[in-house]
């Protein structure tokens, strides 16, 4: 059995002990010197799972991917200086996606700040706008002799109690409120000394989960409104697989006054739902929009991808908008009337038994239009040439079921919204800030934590932007990446007002000639490429035959044809 060693510095001992006490066991460390006491404390602990990721930005997204899957905080450990700032993109993503991360940044003692020391910046409260809690700890002087001075001993005791309290508060916030926290940890040298026994035993303050309820008066009002309304819409955004019990989904399926719209990232599948929102509403007339306008809008889950549904609900606002979420509610449609601070299952269990189904043609009318759109969708795809749209159709048709799909941002997640995915797929995407940075690193962390067969579907810019994510010793051999390489930011080509010019291709579309082939050789991935539909089908078939090495299939599509194919796709529904 591995011998358990401790950092000699009590502050490092405190942090490690409290993480263990609260069930936090996954630690992502970026190598450095100032963070040595924390690195020693975690890596020498037999119950900690430690990972070494050199690039701090990749490390943070890797940790985010783990936390996304295990639903528990993951710790990030870095040295002082600019290393910490590289965490910020993932911190903001975690903040808006409700993913718990614990940032432990080593620092110089306060008297060393702004005097010209190397690797020293103002780390205190550096994430202030996107953090649940910032804990700024006191540094400690550890000497080789027993200090006799009573005043100094008292100061040390006060510092220890302050540090214990702040670490407890920060860790508890991450657990209770599901988001990122920052603990700034200043250390004096020496940094590398170890002990066989701890010198402190910090107090663990128990986690207290917030308890919410809905008043009888409000519940009664909502039930009355629900039972007298024949046009109710439920819109489900980012949602973990199986987070909403099947019994509630089946309940709504039997109510003709309730129309459910789901996004790809909702992980909700049912034949009575509208699952391709943009496909439905893109070509509606003003009269049809008025018919679709709900009286009650009930929203569940996180961020919404579809710009079209946002625009529709802002223009054709419901009389009431209720958001069901234990933590927060965004007024996305400028008409939020109630934030019910409950888990959706808890809310439905007390609310729905008191409701009645209402006679209505609301659902049947729109399901009929949905079915017509699906026919037109298939007709168009049968005549379309080899472009991004056809590639996504082929991927979702041929990819094996019962696995995790990680989608990169920008065009990838938006194309995915146009297709009916198999219910065996679990779909994730970093929609908190919707950035292209970190998609690969997140997918690798998620694949490692879940153990599921995992495929990242990504665009070329997202992939190359996070290519350091492959500099990682923890990539599972069954991890796959499909890159749709259209030689630039193709999504910008469909935006209104764009013009063909050197400025556009350089500063908006960012054209390039890069491929992933040499990166695959450097990082130990098997590589295939495809330039037509048949090669895509063959590439997918071959890719999933082998789980001995991670693999990349790079699909090259015609840059200047993709946008017109997609624009014509939406025109086809008119």
Protein backbone atom coordinates (compact mmCIF):
# COMPACT_ATOMS: atom_id res chain seq x y z
CA UNK A 1 0.00 0.00 0.00
CA UNK A 2 1.23 3.48 -0.86
CA UNK A 3 2.78 5.31 2.10
CA UNK A 4 0.83 8.47 2.93
CA UNK A 5 3.00 11.59 3.12
CA UNK A 6 2.01 15.17 3.93
CA UNK A 7 3.31 18.60 3.06
CA UNK A 8 5.04 20.15 6.05
CA UNK A 9 2.97 23.32 5.57
CA UNK A 10 -0.21 23.21 7.71
CA UNK A 11 -2.17 25.25 5.16
CA UNK A 12 -1.65 22.57 2.49
CA UNK A 13 -2.59 19.87 5.00
CA UNK A 14 -5.79 21.77 5.82
CA UNK A 15 -6.91 22.01 2.21
CA UNK A 16 -6.25 18.37 1.38
CA UNK A 17 -7.92 17.13 4.56
CA UNK A 18 -11.07 19.20 3.97
CA UNK A 19 -11.33 18.10 0.33
CA UNK A 20 -11.19 14.48 1.48
CA UNK A 21 -13.76 15.11 4.22
CA UNK A 22 -16.21 16.53 1.66
CA UNK A 23 -15.78 13.68 -0.84
CA UNK A 24 -13.69 15.63 -3.36
CA UNK A 25 -11.20 13.20 -4.90
CA UNK A 26 -10.38 14.32 -8.47
CA UNK A 27 -7.41 16.72 -8.70
CA UNK A 28 -6.07 18.24 -11.94
CA UNK A 29 -2.59 19.66 -11.41
CA UNK A 30 -0.56 21.87 -13.72
CA UNK A 31 3.15 21.54 -12.88
CA UNK A 32 4.88 24.41 -11.10
CA UNK A 33 6.98 25.23 -8.07
CA UNK A 34 4.91 27.54 -5.86
CA UNK A 35 2.08 24.98 -5.81
CA UNK A 36 4.45 22.20 -4.62
CA UNK A 37 2.87 21.92 -1.11
CA UNK A 38 -0.53 21.26 -2.67
CA UNK A 39 0.89 18.93 -5.31
CA UNK A 40 2.66 16.94 -2.61
CA UNK A 41 -0.42 16.84 -0.39
CA UNK A 42 -2.76 15.59 -3.12
CA UNK A 43 -0.44 13.32 -5.11
CA UNK A 44 0.85 11.57 -1.97
CA UNK A 45 -2.70 10.91 -0.72
CA UNK A 46 -3.84 7.35 -1.51
CA UNK A 47 -7.50 8.36 -1.94
CA UNK A 48 -6.91 11.13 -4.47
CA UNK A 49 -7.05 10.69 -8.26
CA UNK A 50 -4.49 13.14 -9.63
CA UNK A 51 -3.94 14.17 -13.24
CA UNK A 52 -1.07 16.24 -14.62
CA UNK A 53 -2.01 18.62 -17.46
CA UNK A 54 0.66 21.13 -18.48
CA UNK A 55 -1.50 23.72 -20.28
CA UNK A 56 -3.68 25.41 -17.64
CA UNK A 57 -6.46 26.33 -20.06
CA UNK A 58 -6.72 22.71 -21.21
CA UNK A 59 -6.42 21.51 -17.62
CA UNK A 60 -9.39 23.61 -16.56
CA UNK A 61 -11.63 22.33 -19.36
CA UNK A 62 -10.43 18.76 -18.73
CA UNK A 63 -11.52 19.19 -15.09
CA UNK A 64 -14.81 20.70 -16.26
CA UNK A 65 -15.45 17.58 -18.38
CA UNK A 66 -14.87 15.33 -15.36
CA UNK A 67 -17.14 17.45 -13.15
CA UNK A 68 -19.79 17.52 -15.88
CA UNK A 69 -20.05 13.74 -15.62
CA UNK A 70 -19.52 12.97 -11.92
CA UNK A 71 -21.66 15.91 -10.68
CA UNK A 72 -19.12 16.64 -7.94
CA UNK A 73 -16.42 19.30 -7.57
CA UNK A 74 -13.09 18.75 -9.28
CA UNK A 75 -10.01 20.56 -7.97
CA UNK A 76 -7.61 22.58 -10.13
CA UNK A 77 -4.12 23.30 -8.80
CA UNK A 78 -1.72 25.77 -10.41
CA UNK A 79 1.35 27.79 -9.62
CA UNK A 80 1.37 31.57 -9.18
CA UNK A 81 1.28 34.27 -11.85
CA UNK A 82 -0.31 34.10 -15.29
CA UNK A 83 -0.92 30.35 -14.93
CA UNK A 84 -4.05 31.21 -12.96
CA UNK A 85 -5.46 33.50 -15.65
CA UNK A 86 -5.52 30.63 -18.15
CA UNK A 87 -8.29 29.04 -16.08
CA UNK A 88 -10.70 31.89 -16.77
CA UNK A 89 -12.47 30.57 -19.93
CA UNK A 90 -13.37 27.32 -18.15
CA UNK A 91 -14.30 29.18 -14.96
CA UNK A 92 -16.82 31.31 -16.84
CA UNK A 93 -18.20 28.22 -18.58
CA UNK A 94 -18.58 26.46 -15.22
CA UNK A 95 -20.25 29.56 -13.75
CA UNK A 96 -22.96 29.68 -16.42
CA UNK A 97 -23.32 25.89 -16.77
CA UNK A 98 -23.57 25.20 -13.01
CA UNK A 99 -20.56 22.88 -12.93
CA UNK A 100 -18.59 22.69 -9.66
CA UNK A 101 -14.87 23.47 -9.89
CA UNK A 102 -12.48 24.33 -7.07
CA UNK A 103 -9.56 26.51 -8.15
CA UNK A 104 -6.53 26.36 -5.85
CA UNK A 105 -4.00 28.95 -6.93
CA UNK A 106 -0.63 29.06 -5.19
CA UNK A 107 0.58 32.58 -4.56
CA UNK A 108 3.44 34.58 -3.06
CA UNK A 109 2.89 36.11 0.38
CA UNK A 110 1.12 39.47 0.22
CA UNK A 111 4.28 41.52 0.86
CA UNK A 112 5.81 40.11 -2.33
CA UNK A 113 3.06 41.42 -4.62
CA UNK A 114 3.91 44.36 -6.90
CA UNK A 115 7.57 44.62 -5.87
CA UNK A 116 9.03 43.03 -9.01
CA UNK A 117 9.09 39.33 -8.05
CA UNK A 118 8.72 36.89 -10.94
CA UNK A 119 5.51 34.95 -11.58
CA UNK A 120 3.62 37.38 -9.38
CA UNK A 121 0.34 39.11 -10.23
CA UNK A 122 -2.66 40.37 -8.26
CA UNK A 123 -4.40 37.04 -7.73
CA UNK A 124 -6.82 38.10 -5.00
CA UNK A 125 -10.45 37.99 -6.27
CA UNK A 126 -9.23 37.69 -9.85
CA UNK A 127 -12.40 35.84 -10.96
CA UNK A 128 -14.73 38.13 -9.05
CA UNK A 129 -17.37 38.50 -11.78
CA UNK A 130 -17.73 34.77 -12.51
CA UNK A 131 -17.22 32.96 -9.22
CA UNK A 132 -19.47 31.77 -6.41
CA UNK A 133 -16.90 32.52 -3.72
CA UNK A 134 -13.33 33.82 -3.47
CA UNK A 135 -11.36 32.72 -0.41
CA UNK A 136 -8.11 34.56 0.28
CA UNK A 137 -6.03 32.65 2.79
CA UNK A 138 -3.28 33.76 5.16
CA UNK A 139 0.24 32.50 4.57
CA UNK A 140 2.22 30.73 7.28
CA UNK A 141 5.86 30.81 8.33
CA UNK A 142 6.99 27.25 9.09
CA UNK A 143 10.19 27.12 11.15
CA UNK A 144 12.51 24.37 12.32
CA UNK A 145 12.08 25.28 15.99
CA UNK A 146 9.18 25.57 18.37
CA UNK A 147 7.99 29.16 18.69
CA UNK A 148 7.72 30.22 22.34
CA UNK A 149 6.26 33.69 21.83
CA UNK A 150 2.63 33.62 22.96
CA UNK A 151 1.58 36.43 20.64
CA UNK A 152 3.05 34.69 17.59
CA UNK A 153 1.34 31.43 18.59
CA UNK A 154 -1.95 33.28 18.92
CA UNK A 155 -1.48 34.83 15.47
CA UNK A 156 -0.80 31.38 14.02
CA UNK A 157 -3.91 29.99 15.70
CA UNK A 158 -6.05 32.83 14.34
CA UNK A 159 -4.61 32.34 10.84
CA UNK A 160 -5.37 28.62 10.97
CA UNK A 161 -8.98 29.24 12.06
CA UNK A 162 -9.44 31.86 9.35
CA UNK A 163 -8.07 29.50 6.72
CA UNK A 164 -10.20 26.57 7.90
CA UNK A 165 -13.32 28.71 7.83
CA UNK A 166 -12.62 30.12 4.37
CA UNK A 167 -11.78 26.74 2.84
CA UNK A 168 -14.94 25.24 4.34
CA UNK A 169 -17.09 28.06 2.99
CA UNK A 170 -15.59 27.81 -0.50
CA UNK A 171 -15.86 24.02 -0.78
CA UNK A 172 -19.38 24.02 0.60
CA UNK A 173 -20.45 26.71 -1.91
CA UNK A 174 -19.12 24.62 -4.80
CA UNK A 175 -21.09 21.61 -3.57
CA UNK A 176 -24.30 23.36 -2.52
CA UNK A 177 -24.65 25.78 -5.44
CA UNK A 178 -22.92 23.77 -8.19
CA UNK A 179 -20.40 26.21 -9.56
CA UNK A 180 -16.79 27.38 -9.45
CA UNK A 181 -14.99 28.74 -6.39
CA UNK A 182 -11.49 30.18 -6.02
CA UNK A 183 -9.14 29.64 -3.09
CA UNK A 184 -5.96 31.71 -3.26
CA UNK A 185 -3.19 30.06 -1.23
CA UNK A 186 0.00 32.05 -0.46
CA UNK A 187 3.04 30.00 0.55
CA UNK A 188 6.38 30.89 2.05
CA UNK A 189 9.41 28.79 1.15
CA UNK A 190 10.58 26.09 1.68
CA UNK A 191 7.92 24.40 -0.41
CA UNK A 192 8.96 20.78 -0.79
CA UNK A 193 9.34 19.47 2.77
CA UNK A 194 7.29 16.41 3.72
CA UNK A 195 6.06 14.75 6.90
CA UNK A 196 4.85 11.25 7.70
CA UNK A 197 2.19 12.54 10.09
CA UNK A 198 -0.06 15.63 9.83
CA UNK A 199 0.41 18.47 12.28
CA UNK A 200 -3.17 19.74 12.20
CA UNK A 201 -6.70 18.35 12.17
CA UNK A 202 -9.02 20.94 10.59
CA UNK A 203 -12.68 21.18 11.48
CA UNK A 204 -15.06 20.10 8.73
CA UNK A 205 -18.14 22.34 8.60
CA UNK A 206 -20.97 20.20 7.13
CA UNK A 207 -22.55 21.05 3.80
CA UNK A 208 -26.03 22.56 4.14
CA UNK A 209 -28.08 22.21 1.01
CA UNK A 210 -30.56 25.04 0.44
CA UNK A 211 -34.20 24.06 0.94
CA UNK A 212 -36.86 25.70 -1.17
CA UNK A 213 -40.59 25.28 -1.41
CA UNK A 214 -43.52 26.75 -3.25
CA UNK A 215 -46.27 28.48 -1.30
CA UNK A 216 -49.74 26.96 -1.36
CA UNK A 217 -51.15 30.24 -2.64
CA UNK A 218 -48.78 30.44 -5.60
CA UNK A 219 -49.20 26.75 -6.39
CA UNK A 220 -52.96 27.13 -6.37
CA UNK A 221 -52.79 30.13 -8.71
CA UNK A 222 -50.54 28.25 -11.12
CA UNK A 223 -52.78 25.17 -11.09
CA UNK A 224 -55.86 27.28 -11.85
CA UNK A 225 -54.08 28.98 -14.72
CA UNK A 226 -52.76 25.68 -16.06
CA UNK A 227 -56.18 24.02 -15.94
CA UNK A 228 -57.88 26.86 -17.84
CA UNK A 229 -55.29 27.33 -20.59
CA UNK A 230 -55.39 25.44 -23.88
CA UNK A 231 -52.00 26.62 -25.25
CA UNK A 232 -49.08 25.66 -23.05
CA UNK A 233 -45.51 25.31 -24.25
CA UNK A 234 -42.65 23.55 -22.46
CA UNK A 235 -39.18 24.43 -23.73
CA UNK A 236 -36.28 22.26 -22.52
CA UNK A 237 -32.69 23.46 -22.86
CA UNK A 238 -29.41 21.90 -21.70
CA UNK A 239 -30.31 18.95 -19.50
CA UNK A 240 -28.42 15.91 -18.22
CA UNK A 241 -29.56 12.50 -19.44
CA UNK A 242 -32.37 11.01 -17.33
CA UNK A 243 -32.56 14.14 -15.17
CA UNK A 244 -36.31 14.36 -15.72
CA UNK A 245 -38.32 11.26 -14.82
CA UNK A 246 -40.00 9.45 -17.71
CA UNK A 247 -43.38 9.51 -15.94
CA UNK A 248 -43.61 13.29 -16.32
CA UNK A 249 -42.63 13.17 -19.98
CA UNK A 250 -45.34 10.54 -20.57
CA UNK A 251 -47.85 12.65 -18.65
CA UNK A 252 -47.36 15.64 -20.96
CA UNK A 253 -47.55 13.40 -24.02
CA UNK A 254 -51.19 12.70 -23.17
CA UNK A 255 -52.19 16.35 -22.83
CA UNK A 256 -53.20 17.91 -26.14
CA UNK A 257 -52.88 21.43 -24.70
CA UNK A 258 -49.15 20.99 -24.00
CA UNK A 259 -46.54 21.30 -26.75
CA UNK A 260 -43.00 20.31 -25.78
CA UNK A 261 -40.00 21.71 -27.67
CA UNK A 262 -36.66 20.05 -27.01
CA UNK A 263 -33.15 20.86 -28.08
CA UNK A 264 -30.44 18.34 -28.94
CA UNK A 265 -28.71 19.13 -25.65
CA UNK A 266 -31.88 18.41 -23.64
CA UNK A 267 -31.36 14.62 -23.83
CA UNK A 268 -35.16 14.26 -23.90
CA UNK A 269 -36.64 12.00 -26.59
CA UNK A 270 -40.34 11.41 -27.28
CA UNK A 271 -42.45 11.02 -30.41
CA UNK A 272 -44.86 13.73 -29.23
CA UNK A 273 -42.19 16.46 -29.04
CA UNK A 274 -40.91 19.07 -31.46
CA UNK A 275 -37.22 18.18 -31.47
CA UNK A 276 -35.94 20.24 -34.42
CA UNK A 277 -37.13 23.70 -33.48
CA UNK A 278 -35.54 25.71 -36.29
CA UNK A 279 -36.89 23.25 -38.83
CA UNK A 280 -40.40 23.98 -37.55
CA UNK A 281 -40.49 27.75 -37.12
CA UNK A 282 -38.13 29.16 -39.77
CA UNK A 283 -40.71 29.72 -42.50
CA UNK A 284 -43.83 30.45 -40.43
CA UNK A 285 -46.08 33.35 -41.37
CA UNK A 286 -47.17 36.03 -38.92
CA UNK A 287 -50.56 34.31 -38.62
CA UNK A 288 -48.87 30.98 -37.84
CA UNK A 289 -46.59 32.59 -35.25
CA UNK A 290 -49.69 33.96 -33.52
CA UNK A 291 -51.19 30.46 -33.51
CA UNK A 292 -47.99 29.04 -32.01
CA UNK A 293 -47.79 31.75 -29.33
CA UNK A 294 -48.38 30.05 -25.95
CA UNK A 295 -50.36 31.48 -23.05
CA UNK A 296 -48.06 29.71 -20.59
CA UNK A 297 -44.37 29.06 -21.26
CA UNK A 298 -42.71 26.62 -18.86
CA UNK A 299 -38.94 26.32 -19.24
CA UNK A 300 -36.58 23.70 -17.87
CA UNK A 301 -32.84 23.25 -18.15
CA UNK A 302 -29.99 25.49 -19.17
CA UNK A 303 -29.07 27.62 -22.16
CA UNK A 304 -31.08 27.54 -25.39
CA UNK A 305 -29.18 27.15 -28.67
CA UNK A 306 -31.87 28.23 -31.14
CA UNK A 307 -31.78 31.94 -31.92
CA UNK A 308 -35.06 31.56 -33.78
CA UNK A 309 -37.02 30.35 -30.76
CA UNK A 310 -35.56 33.15 -28.66
CA UNK A 311 -36.61 35.71 -31.27
CA UNK A 312 -40.09 34.19 -31.55
CA UNK A 313 -40.77 34.17 -27.81
CA UNK A 314 -39.48 37.69 -27.38
CA UNK A 315 -41.80 38.97 -30.09
CA UNK A 316 -44.80 36.73 -29.31
CA UNK A 317 -44.54 36.66 -25.54
CA UNK A 318 -46.61 34.32 -23.40
CA UNK A 319 -48.88 35.73 -20.70
CA UNK A 320 -46.84 33.81 -18.12
CA UNK A 321 -43.32 32.42 -18.16
CA UNK A 322 -42.40 29.98 -15.39
CA UNK A 323 -38.86 28.68 -15.03
CA UNK A 324 -38.30 25.59 -12.89
CA UNK A 325 -34.79 25.37 -11.47
CA UNK A 326 -33.45 25.07 -7.94
CA UNK A 327 -30.71 27.62 -8.55
CA UNK A 328 -31.47 30.35 -11.06
CA UNK A 329 -33.73 31.66 -13.81
CA UNK A 330 -32.77 33.87 -16.75
CA UNK A 331 -35.29 36.30 -18.18
CA UNK A 332 -34.34 35.24 -21.70
CA UNK A 333 -37.66 36.22 -23.26
CA UNK A 334 -38.21 39.40 -21.20
CA UNK A 335 -41.43 38.09 -19.64
CA UNK A 336 -40.34 35.90 -16.70
CA UNK A 337 -43.18 35.85 -14.19
CA UNK A 338 -42.22 33.04 -11.77
CA UNK A 339 -38.97 31.36 -10.77
CA UNK A 340 -39.87 28.14 -8.98
CA UNK A 341 -36.77 27.18 -6.97
CA UNK A 342 -37.33 23.44 -7.09
CA UNK A 343 -35.88 20.51 -8.96
CA UNK A 344 -38.24 19.82 -11.92
CA UNK A 345 -39.08 16.32 -10.65
CA UNK A 346 -39.99 17.71 -7.24
CA UNK A 347 -42.14 20.40 -8.80
CA UNK A 348 -43.94 18.03 -11.16
CA UNK A 349 -44.60 15.50 -8.39
CA UNK A 350 -46.54 18.06 -6.33
CA UNK A 351 -48.00 20.08 -9.21
CA UNK A 352 -49.17 17.68 -11.92
CA UNK A 353 -51.39 15.41 -9.77
CA UNK A 354 -53.56 18.49 -9.16
CA UNK A 355 -53.86 19.44 -12.82
CA UNK A 356 -56.30 18.31 -15.52
CA UNK A 357 -55.79 17.65 -19.19
CA UNK A 358 -57.42 20.30 -21.35
CA UNK A 359 -59.16 19.69 -24.68
CA UNK A 360 -57.19 21.46 -27.37
CA UNK A 361 -55.89 21.17 -30.93
CA UNK A 362 -52.69 23.04 -30.04
CA UNK A 363 -50.41 20.00 -29.96
CA UNK A 364 -51.99 18.04 -32.82
CA UNK A 365 -51.85 21.01 -35.21
CA UNK A 366 -48.15 21.59 -34.60
CA UNK A 367 -47.24 17.91 -34.62
CA UNK A 368 -48.90 17.72 -38.03
CA UNK A 369 -46.77 20.63 -39.27
CA UNK A 370 -43.70 19.00 -37.72
CA UNK A 371 -44.37 15.81 -39.68
CA UNK A 372 -44.74 17.76 -42.93
CA UNK A 373 -41.43 19.49 -42.21
CA UNK A 374 -39.76 16.13 -41.68
CA UNK A 375 -40.89 14.98 -45.12
CA UNK A 376 -39.52 18.16 -46.71
CA UNK A 377 -36.29 17.74 -44.70
CA UNK A 378 -35.80 14.25 -46.14
CA UNK A 379 -36.67 15.36 -49.67
CA UNK A 380 -34.06 18.10 -49.57
CA UNK A 381 -31.35 15.83 -48.17
CA UNK A 382 -31.90 13.30 -50.96
CA UNK A 383 -30.95 15.92 -53.55
CA UNK A 384 -28.25 17.81 -51.69
CA UNK A 385 -24.58 17.67 -52.75
CA UNK A 386 -21.62 16.82 -50.52
CA UNK A 387 -21.55 19.68 -48.01
CA UNK A 388 -21.61 20.13 -44.22
CA UNK A 389 -25.35 19.40 -44.13
CA UNK A 390 -24.97 16.03 -45.84
CA UNK A 391 -22.00 15.16 -43.64
CA UNK A 392 -23.98 15.75 -40.45
CA UNK A 393 -26.86 13.67 -41.82
CA UNK A 394 -24.43 10.83 -42.54
CA UNK A 395 -22.72 11.05 -39.15
CA UNK A 396 -25.96 10.90 -37.18
CA UNK A 397 -27.28 8.11 -39.38
CA UNK A 398 -24.18 5.89 -39.18
CA UNK A 399 -22.68 6.60 -35.76
CA UNK A 400 -23.14 3.73 -33.27
CA UNK A 401 -25.77 4.13 -30.57
CA UNK A 402 -25.39 3.93 -26.80
CA UNK A 403 -22.53 6.36 -26.42
CA UNK A 404 -21.74 9.90 -25.41
CA UNK A 405 -21.63 12.65 -28.02
CA UNK A 406 -19.70 15.81 -27.18
CA UNK A 407 -20.46 18.68 -29.58
CA UNK A 408 -18.21 21.65 -30.15
CA UNK A 409 -19.73 25.10 -30.37
CA UNK A 410 -20.64 27.36 -33.24
CA UNK A 411 -21.83 25.55 -36.39
CA UNK A 412 -21.52 21.99 -35.03
CA UNK A 413 -24.15 22.24 -32.31
CA UNK A 414 -26.43 24.23 -34.64
CA UNK A 415 -26.26 21.62 -37.40
CA UNK A 416 -27.00 18.93 -34.81
CA UNK A 417 -30.25 20.78 -33.99
CA UNK A 418 -31.58 19.96 -37.48
CA UNK A 419 -31.57 16.18 -37.01
CA UNK A 420 -33.52 13.66 -34.94
CA UNK A 421 -30.85 11.90 -32.91
CA UNK A 422 -31.17 8.37 -31.61
CA UNK A 423 -32.37 8.15 -28.01
CA UNK A 424 -29.36 6.00 -27.15
CA UNK A 425 -27.04 9.00 -27.51
CA UNK A 426 -26.14 11.18 -24.55
CA UNK A 427 -25.35 14.68 -25.80
CA UNK A 428 -23.22 17.37 -24.16
CA UNK A 429 -21.92 20.77 -25.24
CA UNK A 430 -20.33 23.72 -23.42
CA UNK A 431 -23.30 26.07 -23.77
CA UNK A 432 -22.61 28.20 -20.69
CA UNK A 433 -20.62 30.74 -22.67
CA UNK A 434 -20.91 28.95 -26.04
CA UNK A 435 -17.20 29.39 -26.74
CA UNK A 436 -15.16 27.25 -29.11
CA UNK A 437 -12.27 27.13 -26.63
CA UNK A 438 -11.86 23.95 -24.62
CA UNK A 439 -14.31 21.66 -26.44
CA UNK A 440 -11.70 18.94 -27.02
CA UNK A 441 -10.32 19.10 -23.47
CA UNK A 442 -13.84 18.94 -22.01
CA UNK A 443 -14.70 15.91 -24.13
CA UNK A 444 -11.57 14.06 -23.02
CA UNK A 445 -12.25 14.76 -19.34
CA UNK A 446 -15.86 13.63 -19.77
CA UNK A 447 -14.82 10.45 -21.59
CA UNK A 448 -12.33 9.58 -18.85
CA UNK A 449 -14.80 10.22 -16.02
CA UNK A 450 -17.79 8.46 -17.57
CA UNK A 451 -16.07 5.43 -19.07
CA UNK A 452 -18.56 5.66 -21.94
CA UNK A 453 -17.67 5.26 -25.58
CA UNK A 454 -17.30 8.91 -26.53
CA UNK A 455 -17.22 10.80 -29.82
CA UNK A 456 -16.39 14.49 -30.12
CA UNK A 457 -17.94 16.07 -33.23
CA UNK A 458 -16.17 19.33 -33.90
CA UNK A 459 -15.46 21.99 -36.46
CA UNK A 460 -11.97 22.73 -37.67
CA UNK A 461 -11.53 26.04 -35.83
CA UNK A 462 -12.76 24.57 -32.52
CA UNK A 463 -10.40 21.63 -32.93
CA UNK A 464 -7.27 23.57 -33.81
CA UNK A 465 -8.02 26.21 -31.18
CA UNK A 466 -7.85 23.51 -28.50
CA UNK A 467 -5.25 21.23 -30.09
CA UNK A 468 -3.21 21.28 -26.87
CA UNK A 469 -6.09 19.27 -25.42
CA UNK A 470 -4.49 16.25 -27.09
CA UNK A 471 -1.34 16.80 -24.98
CA UNK A 472 -2.87 14.54 -22.40
CA UNK A 473 -1.87 11.15 -20.99
CA UNK A 474 -5.42 10.21 -19.95
CA UNK A 475 -7.21 9.88 -23.31
CA UNK A 476 -9.20 6.61 -23.34
CA UNK A 477 -8.42 4.29 -26.27
CA UNK A 478 -12.12 4.27 -27.28
CA UNK A 479 -12.22 8.07 -27.68
CA UNK A 480 -13.07 9.32 -31.20
CA UNK A 481 -13.06 12.72 -32.88
CA UNK A 482 -14.87 13.61 -36.09
CA UNK A 483 -13.65 16.94 -37.51
CA UNK A 484 -15.70 18.73 -40.17
CA UNK A 485 -12.98 20.79 -41.82
CA UNK A 486 -14.43 23.46 -44.11
CA UNK A 487 -11.21 25.50 -43.96
CA UNK A 488 -12.58 28.31 -41.83
CA UNK A 489 -15.38 29.64 -39.66
CA UNK A 490 -18.11 28.60 -42.06
CA UNK A 491 -20.95 29.79 -39.82
CA UNK A 492 -20.00 33.40 -40.61
CA UNK A 493 -20.84 32.83 -44.26
CA UNK A 494 -24.57 32.53 -43.50
CA UNK A 495 -24.81 35.73 -41.49
CA UNK A 496 -26.80 38.57 -43.06
CA UNK A 497 -24.72 41.44 -44.41
CA UNK A 498 -21.53 39.49 -45.02
CA UNK A 499 -19.66 40.22 -48.24
CA UNK A 500 -17.10 38.24 -50.16
CA UNK A 501 -13.82 40.12 -49.67
CA UNK A 502 -10.29 39.57 -48.44
CA UNK A 503 -11.26 41.29 -45.19
CA UNK A 504 -14.16 38.88 -44.67
CA UNK A 505 -12.14 35.72 -45.37
CA UNK A 506 -9.24 36.89 -43.17
CA UNK A 507 -10.92 38.51 -40.19
CA UNK A 508 -14.32 36.78 -39.98
CA UNK A 509 -14.17 33.44 -41.73
CA UNK A 510 -10.44 32.95 -40.94
CA UNK A 511 -9.61 30.67 -43.84
CA UNK A 512 -6.69 28.27 -43.45
CA UNK A 513 -5.06 25.15 -44.93
CA UNK A 514 -4.50 23.17 -41.74
CA UNK A 515 -5.23 19.47 -41.30
CA UNK A 516 -5.11 17.22 -38.24
CA UNK A 517 -2.90 14.55 -39.82
CA UNK A 518 0.43 15.64 -38.32
CA UNK A 519 -1.14 16.30 -34.92
CA UNK A 520 -2.36 12.70 -34.94
CA UNK A 521 1.16 11.43 -35.51
CA UNK A 522 2.51 13.63 -32.72
CA UNK A 523 -0.14 12.68 -30.16
CA UNK A 524 -0.62 9.01 -31.04
CA UNK A 525 -4.05 9.09 -32.71
CA UNK A 526 -5.03 6.93 -35.67
CA UNK A 527 -6.03 9.15 -38.59
CA UNK A 528 -8.42 8.89 -41.53
CA UNK A 529 -9.68 11.50 -43.95
CA UNK A 530 -12.80 11.72 -46.13
CA UNK A 531 -13.70 13.89 -49.11
CA UNK A 532 -17.10 12.50 -50.14
CA UNK A 533 -20.11 10.73 -48.65
CA UNK A 534 -18.86 7.22 -49.39
CA UNK A 535 -15.54 7.94 -47.70
CA UNK A 536 -17.38 9.34 -44.67
CA UNK A 537 -19.44 6.15 -44.38
CA UNK A 538 -16.33 3.97 -44.77
CA UNK A 539 -14.40 6.13 -42.31
CA UNK A 540 -17.09 5.85 -39.63
CA UNK A 541 -17.32 2.10 -40.14
CA UNK A 542 -13.55 1.65 -39.78
CA UNK A 543 -13.29 4.08 -36.87
CA UNK A 544 -15.67 2.09 -34.69
CA UNK A 545 -14.08 -1.27 -35.43
CA UNK A 546 -11.04 -0.42 -33.31
CA UNK A 547 -10.96 0.71 -29.69
CA UNK A 548 -7.25 0.12 -29.17
CA UNK A 549 -6.18 3.70 -29.94
CA UNK A 550 -8.01 7.04 -29.99
CA UNK A 551 -8.94 7.99 -33.54
CA UNK A 552 -9.68 11.01 -35.68
CA UNK A 553 -11.76 11.13 -38.84
CA UNK A 554 -11.27 14.43 -40.66
CA UNK A 555 -13.94 15.27 -43.22
CA UNK A 556 -13.12 17.97 -45.78
CA UNK A 557 -16.14 19.89 -47.13
CA UNK A 558 -16.38 22.64 -49.81
CA UNK A 559 -16.03 25.98 -48.02
CA UNK A 560 -17.94 28.08 -50.54
CA UNK A 561 -20.90 25.70 -51.01
CA UNK A 562 -21.82 24.96 -47.41
CA UNK A 563 -23.56 28.27 -46.73
CA UNK A 564 -25.74 28.26 -49.85
CA UNK A 565 -26.78 24.65 -49.15
CA UNK A 566 -27.90 25.57 -45.64
CA UNK A 567 -29.67 28.76 -46.72
CA UNK A 568 -31.52 26.84 -49.45
CA UNK A 569 -32.43 24.18 -46.88
CA UNK A 570 -34.50 26.66 -44.89
CA UNK A 571 -35.99 28.16 -48.06
CA UNK A 572 -37.18 24.68 -49.04
CA UNK A 573 -39.75 24.71 -46.23
CA UNK A 574 -41.52 27.81 -47.57
